[in-house]
Amino acid sequence: MDQPPVIYKLSKEELRDLELAKSLLENPGFAMRMANMIGSPIEKGFALLPRGWNDTVNKATKAALLRSLELAVATLGKQHRRRSKELFHKVLVGTSGGIGGAFGLAALPIELPISTAIMLRSIADIARSEGHDISRVQTKLECLEVFALGGRPEVNDPSESVYWLTRAALSKTVADAAAYLTQKGVLKETAPVIVRLINELASRFGVMVSEEVAAKAVPIIGAAGGGIINVLFIAHFQDMARGHFIVKRLESRHGTERVRSIYEEICLKAPSAKNQTPEKLQLRLSSENH
């Protein structure tokens, strides 16, 4: 027996927003964007890194995420702005990347927490511009969740979204951390639920940090290239944040299951959209409005 048709109640504008979110969230990740922009093979960079570099990256990644969680819990405010300061944050993170690139892997434990904190501020700014209250514990953790987004593992089923798979994998850990922070009101970094959250985020964020470090290891890139790579890095997470918080905004109005159903139908109807950049999609959607 055929399934009854799904009744969609999203407005045309909301459907366009969701199509844009899907394009942002399902596009190839940071490594492919970087290779397309600067033409630097990441494999070459990995070969140039010193022995033990992976341990350095893992420790720096976990420390950066923990500092960002502390920043989120302590200081993120709730003032709403209609537009986010994405360019301003790109300038800041590009500067820190340029300094870090001049000193190589040794600067990572210092530079990565600074860059990650700037990126978190930009992510929170985007969340706020989409109408979310970033004083809420749940929203703060959703900002951190963005650092886990943007991987591009192969999936056999075109309706199987990497974005939703990642959210499903993190859902219980994020919910447990939100309950803990709401109850305790303070962050204790040794609490098992916090350790678990940091470890799960680091397992995903660390992959992209490793790619960033490998690119910076290529001798011809140098300090100036380190700044460019950091700008690409934050641009990636700004895209993830924009898509993520569009989805969360629509979920708050229509429910998670309805939004996910429509999102996955977009994936099925337009598999070629994976090859369409968000910039091209934005131009197309803009032309449809006129």
Protein backbone atom coordinates (compact mmCIF):
# COMPACT_ATOMS: atom_id res chain seq x y z
CA MET A 1 0.00 0.00 0.00
CA ASP A 2 1.30 3.45 -0.89
CA GLN A 3 2.17 5.78 1.95
CA PRO A 4 -0.08 8.86 2.26
CA PRO A 5 1.60 12.04 1.02
CA VAL A 6 3.32 14.25 3.57
CA ILE A 7 1.54 17.56 4.06
CA TYR A 8 4.11 20.36 4.07
CA LYS A 9 3.22 23.49 5.95
CA LEU A 10 6.44 25.41 5.55
CA SER A 11 6.08 28.69 3.70
CA LYS A 12 7.86 29.23 0.37
CA GLU A 13 10.44 31.40 2.12
CA GLU A 14 11.05 28.73 4.77
CA LEU A 15 11.44 26.05 2.09
CA ARG A 16 14.03 28.23 0.34
CA ASP A 17 15.82 28.70 3.66
CA LEU A 18 15.86 24.95 4.22
CA GLU A 19 17.20 24.34 0.70
CA LEU A 20 20.01 26.80 1.41
CA ALA A 21 20.72 25.11 4.77
CA LYS A 22 20.90 21.73 3.06
CA SER A 23 23.32 23.09 0.46
CA LEU A 24 25.57 24.52 3.17
CA LEU A 25 25.50 21.46 5.43
CA GLU A 26 25.91 18.76 2.78
CA ASN A 27 28.65 20.43 0.73
CA PRO A 28 32.17 18.95 0.78
CA GLY A 29 34.09 19.72 3.93
CA PHE A 30 37.01 21.92 4.88
CA ALA A 31 39.72 19.79 3.26
CA MET A 32 38.15 19.88 -0.20
CA ARG A 33 37.43 23.60 0.05
CA MET A 34 41.04 24.26 1.03
CA ALA A 35 42.43 22.11 -1.78
CA ASN A 36 40.21 23.87 -4.32
CA MET A 37 41.26 27.31 -3.09
CA ILE A 38 45.02 26.98 -2.62
CA GLY A 39 45.81 23.78 -4.51
CA SER A 40 47.83 22.29 -1.69
CA PRO A 41 47.67 18.48 -1.34
CA ILE A 42 47.05 17.64 2.31
CA GLU A 43 48.86 14.31 1.98
CA LYS A 44 52.09 16.20 1.30
CA GLY A 45 51.62 18.21 4.47
CA PHE A 46 51.02 15.10 6.59
CA ALA A 47 54.30 13.64 5.35
CA LEU A 48 56.16 16.76 6.51
CA LEU A 49 54.85 16.76 10.07
CA PRO A 50 57.20 15.59 12.86
CA ARG A 51 56.78 12.35 14.77
CA GLY A 52 54.19 12.61 17.53
CA TRP A 53 52.27 15.44 15.85
CA ASN A 54 48.97 13.57 16.24
CA ASP A 55 49.23 13.62 20.04
CA THR A 56 49.92 17.36 19.93
CA VAL A 57 46.84 17.94 17.77
CA ASN A 58 44.62 15.76 20.00
CA LYS A 59 45.68 17.52 23.20
CA ALA A 60 45.38 20.98 21.63
CA THR A 61 41.94 20.16 20.17
CA LYS A 62 40.52 18.96 23.50
CA ALA A 63 42.00 21.95 25.35
CA ALA A 64 40.58 24.37 22.77
CA LEU A 65 37.10 22.85 22.99
CA LEU A 66 37.18 22.89 26.77
CA ARG A 67 38.21 26.56 26.84
CA SER A 68 35.44 27.31 24.35
CA LEU A 69 32.90 25.52 26.55
CA GLU A 70 34.08 27.56 29.52
CA LEU A 71 33.73 30.73 27.42
CA ALA A 72 30.23 29.74 26.32
CA VAL A 73 29.03 28.98 29.83
CA ALA A 74 30.58 32.11 31.34
CA THR A 75 30.14 34.93 28.85
CA LEU A 76 27.85 34.43 25.84
CA GLY A 77 25.09 37.02 26.07
CA LYS A 78 21.61 37.19 24.62
CA GLN A 79 21.30 40.48 22.75
CA HIS A 80 19.67 39.87 19.35
CA ARG A 81 21.16 41.21 16.13
CA ARG A 82 19.72 40.77 12.68
CA ARG A 83 23.11 40.50 10.98
CA SER A 84 26.23 38.71 12.16
CA LYS A 85 29.78 40.08 11.99
CA GLU A 86 31.23 37.27 9.88
CA LEU A 87 33.89 39.37 8.11
CA PHE A 88 35.13 40.84 11.41
CA HIS A 89 35.65 37.36 12.85
CA LYS A 90 37.42 36.22 9.66
CA VAL A 91 39.92 39.08 10.04
CA LEU A 92 40.59 38.13 13.66
CA VAL A 93 41.04 34.43 13.00
CA GLY A 94 43.15 35.12 9.90
CA THR A 95 45.50 37.24 11.99
CA SER A 96 45.88 34.53 14.62
CA GLY A 97 46.45 31.96 11.88
CA GLY A 98 49.16 34.09 10.32
CA ILE A 99 51.01 34.31 13.64
CA GLY A 100 50.56 30.60 14.24
CA GLY A 101 51.71 29.73 10.74
CA ALA A 102 54.99 31.53 11.33
CA PHE A 103 55.83 29.24 14.28
CA GLY A 104 54.43 25.96 12.97
CA LEU A 105 53.17 23.06 15.08
CA ALA A 106 54.81 24.43 18.23
CA ALA A 107 52.33 27.34 18.23
CA LEU A 108 49.25 25.11 17.99
CA PRO A 109 48.56 24.78 21.76
CA ILE A 110 48.48 28.60 21.95
CA GLU A 111 46.96 29.52 18.60
CA LEU A 112 44.19 26.89 18.39
CA PRO A 113 42.32 27.92 21.58
CA ILE A 114 42.40 31.56 20.40
CA SER A 115 41.13 30.69 16.91
CA THR A 116 38.49 28.33 18.30
CA ALA A 117 37.23 30.97 20.73
CA ILE A 118 36.93 33.50 17.88
CA MET A 119 35.09 30.93 15.77
CA LEU A 120 32.74 30.17 18.67
CA ARG A 121 31.94 33.87 18.95
CA SER A 122 31.17 33.98 15.23
CA ILE A 123 29.02 30.84 15.49
CA ALA A 124 27.10 32.37 18.41
CA ASP A 125 26.68 35.60 16.46
CA ILE A 126 25.13 33.64 13.58
CA ALA A 127 22.85 31.75 15.98
CA ARG A 128 21.71 35.08 17.42
CA SER A 129 21.08 36.51 13.93
CA GLU A 130 18.79 33.52 13.25
CA GLY A 131 16.71 34.45 16.29
CA HIS A 132 18.17 32.09 18.90
CA ASP A 133 18.74 33.11 22.53
CA ILE A 134 22.43 32.36 23.19
CA SER A 135 22.02 32.83 26.93
CA ARG A 136 20.29 29.40 27.02
CA VAL A 137 22.50 26.44 27.92
CA GLN A 138 21.01 24.36 25.09
CA THR A 139 21.84 27.02 22.48
CA LYS A 140 25.39 27.35 23.80
CA LEU A 141 25.91 23.62 23.37
CA GLU A 142 24.35 23.76 19.92
CA CYS A 143 27.00 26.38 19.07
CA LEU A 144 29.71 23.96 20.19
CA GLU A 145 28.01 21.18 18.23
CA VAL A 146 28.85 23.10 15.04
CA PHE A 147 32.52 22.13 15.49
CA ALA A 148 31.51 18.51 14.84
CA LEU A 149 29.73 19.33 11.56
CA GLY A 150 31.08 19.32 8.05
CA GLY A 151 32.57 15.87 7.61
CA ARG A 152 31.97 14.25 4.23
CA PRO A 153 31.99 10.46 4.71
CA GLU A 154 30.55 8.50 1.81
CA VAL A 155 26.97 7.34 2.24
CA ASN A 156 25.25 4.83 -0.05
CA ASP A 157 21.73 6.14 0.45
CA PRO A 158 21.29 9.68 -1.01
CA SER A 159 18.60 10.37 1.60
CA GLU A 160 21.04 9.57 4.42
CA SER A 161 22.29 13.00 5.44
CA VAL A 162 25.71 13.36 7.09
CA TYR A 163 24.30 16.30 9.03
CA TRP A 164 21.48 14.30 10.62
CA LEU A 165 23.75 11.32 11.25
CA THR A 166 26.17 13.56 13.15
CA ARG A 167 23.38 15.14 15.18
CA ALA A 168 21.98 11.72 16.05
CA ALA A 169 25.41 10.53 17.21
CA LEU A 170 25.81 13.57 19.48
CA SER A 171 22.23 13.97 20.69
CA LYS A 172 22.42 12.02 23.96
CA THR A 173 25.80 13.47 24.95
CA VAL A 174 24.64 17.04 24.25
CA ALA A 175 21.36 16.47 26.12
CA ASP A 176 23.20 15.00 29.14
CA ALA A 177 25.64 17.94 29.18
CA ALA A 178 22.77 20.44 28.95
CA ALA A 179 20.99 18.76 31.88
CA TYR A 180 24.19 18.76 33.92
CA LEU A 181 25.01 22.42 33.27
CA THR A 182 21.41 23.50 33.91
CA GLN A 183 21.39 21.68 37.24
CA LYS A 184 24.89 22.58 38.44
CA GLY A 185 25.11 26.08 36.99
CA VAL A 186 28.91 25.78 36.80
CA LEU A 187 31.31 23.84 34.60
CA LYS A 188 33.43 21.13 36.20
CA GLU A 189 35.78 19.91 33.51
CA THR A 190 36.39 16.52 35.16
CA ALA A 191 32.68 15.63 35.31
CA PRO A 192 32.16 12.45 33.23
CA VAL A 193 29.41 14.02 31.12
CA ILE A 194 31.66 16.98 30.23
CA VAL A 195 34.63 14.70 29.47
CA ARG A 196 32.40 12.62 27.19
CA LEU A 197 31.12 15.72 25.37
CA ILE A 198 34.64 17.07 24.76
CA ASN A 199 35.89 13.68 23.58
CA GLU A 200 33.03 13.24 21.10
CA LEU A 201 33.40 16.74 19.69
CA ALA A 202 37.19 16.38 19.52
CA SER A 203 36.94 13.13 17.57
CA ARG A 204 35.25 15.08 14.75
CA PHE A 205 36.73 18.56 15.09
CA GLY A 206 40.22 17.08 15.44
CA VAL A 207 40.06 15.60 11.94
CA MET A 208 39.64 19.07 10.45
CA VAL A 209 42.31 20.53 12.76
CA SER A 210 44.70 17.84 11.52
CA GLU A 211 43.96 18.83 7.92
CA GLU A 212 44.57 22.47 8.79
CA VAL A 213 47.89 21.65 10.48
CA ALA A 214 49.00 19.50 7.54
CA ALA A 215 48.32 22.31 5.08
CA LYS A 216 50.32 24.76 7.18
CA ALA A 217 53.23 22.30 7.21
CA VAL A 218 53.78 22.78 3.46
CA PRO A 219 56.85 25.08 3.29
CA ILE A 220 55.60 27.39 0.53
CA ILE A 221 52.53 28.38 2.57
CA GLY A 222 54.30 30.10 5.47
CA ALA A 223 52.75 32.70 7.75
CA ALA A 224 50.65 34.41 5.08
CA GLY A 225 49.26 31.05 4.01
CA GLY A 226 48.50 30.20 7.63
CA GLY A 227 46.23 33.23 7.76
CA ILE A 228 44.48 32.23 4.52
CA ILE A 229 43.94 28.68 5.80
CA ASN A 230 42.44 30.00 9.02
CA VAL A 231 40.05 32.20 7.03
CA LEU A 232 38.97 29.13 5.04
CA PHE A 233 38.63 27.25 8.33
CA ILE A 234 36.31 29.82 9.91
CA ALA A 235 34.37 30.25 6.64
CA HIS A 236 33.65 26.53 6.75
CA PHE A 237 32.26 26.70 10.29
CA GLN A 238 30.32 29.87 9.55
CA ASP A 239 28.58 27.98 6.74
CA MET A 240 27.91 25.04 9.07
CA ALA A 241 26.54 27.43 11.70
CA ARG A 242 24.27 29.23 9.22
CA GLY A 243 22.81 25.97 7.96
CA HIS A 244 22.52 24.45 11.45
CA PHE A 245 20.71 27.40 12.99
CA ILE A 246 18.37 27.80 10.01
CA VAL A 247 17.36 24.17 10.61
CA LYS A 248 17.02 24.75 14.38
CA ARG A 249 14.90 27.86 13.74
CA LEU A 250 12.55 25.92 11.49
CA GLU A 251 12.44 23.04 13.98
CA SER A 252 11.25 25.40 16.70
CA ARG A 253 8.25 26.31 14.51
CA HIS A 254 7.43 23.02 12.79
CA GLY A 255 9.04 20.23 14.84
CA THR A 256 12.17 18.19 14.20
CA GLU A 257 10.52 15.29 12.41
CA ARG A 258 8.70 17.48 9.87
CA VAL A 259 11.81 19.56 9.10
CA ARG A 260 14.00 16.47 8.79
CA SER A 261 11.48 14.78 6.49
CA ILE A 262 11.42 17.77 4.12
CA TYR A 263 15.21 18.17 4.32
CA GLU A 264 15.75 14.55 3.33
CA GLU A 265 13.21 14.86 0.52
CA ILE A 266 15.24 17.80 -0.82
CA CYS A 267 18.29 15.48 -0.80
CA LEU A 268 16.37 12.86 -2.78
CA LYS A 269 14.84 15.26 -5.29
CA ALA A 270 18.02 17.19 -6.00
CA PRO A 271 21.07 14.92 -5.57
CA SER A 272 22.93 17.13 -8.04
CA ALA A 273 22.72 19.96 -5.48
CA LYS A 274 25.72 18.36 -3.76
CA ASN A 275 27.77 19.80 -6.59
CA GLN A 276 26.15 23.22 -6.31
CA THR A 277 27.96 25.74 -4.16
CA PRO A 278 26.01 27.71 -1.55
CA GLU A 279 26.99 30.90 -3.35
CA LYS A 280 25.38 29.70 -6.61
CA LEU A 281 22.30 28.56 -4.72
CA GLN A 282 21.98 31.93 -2.99
CA LEU A 283 22.17 33.68 -6.37
CA ARG A 284 19.52 31.35 -7.82
CA LEU A 285 17.19 31.81 -4.86
CA SER A 286 17.68 35.56 -5.06
CA SER A 287 16.73 35.57 -8.76
CA GLU A 288 13.62 33.52 -7.99
CA ASN A 289 12.49 36.25 -5.61
CA HIS A 290 12.49 38.91 -8.34
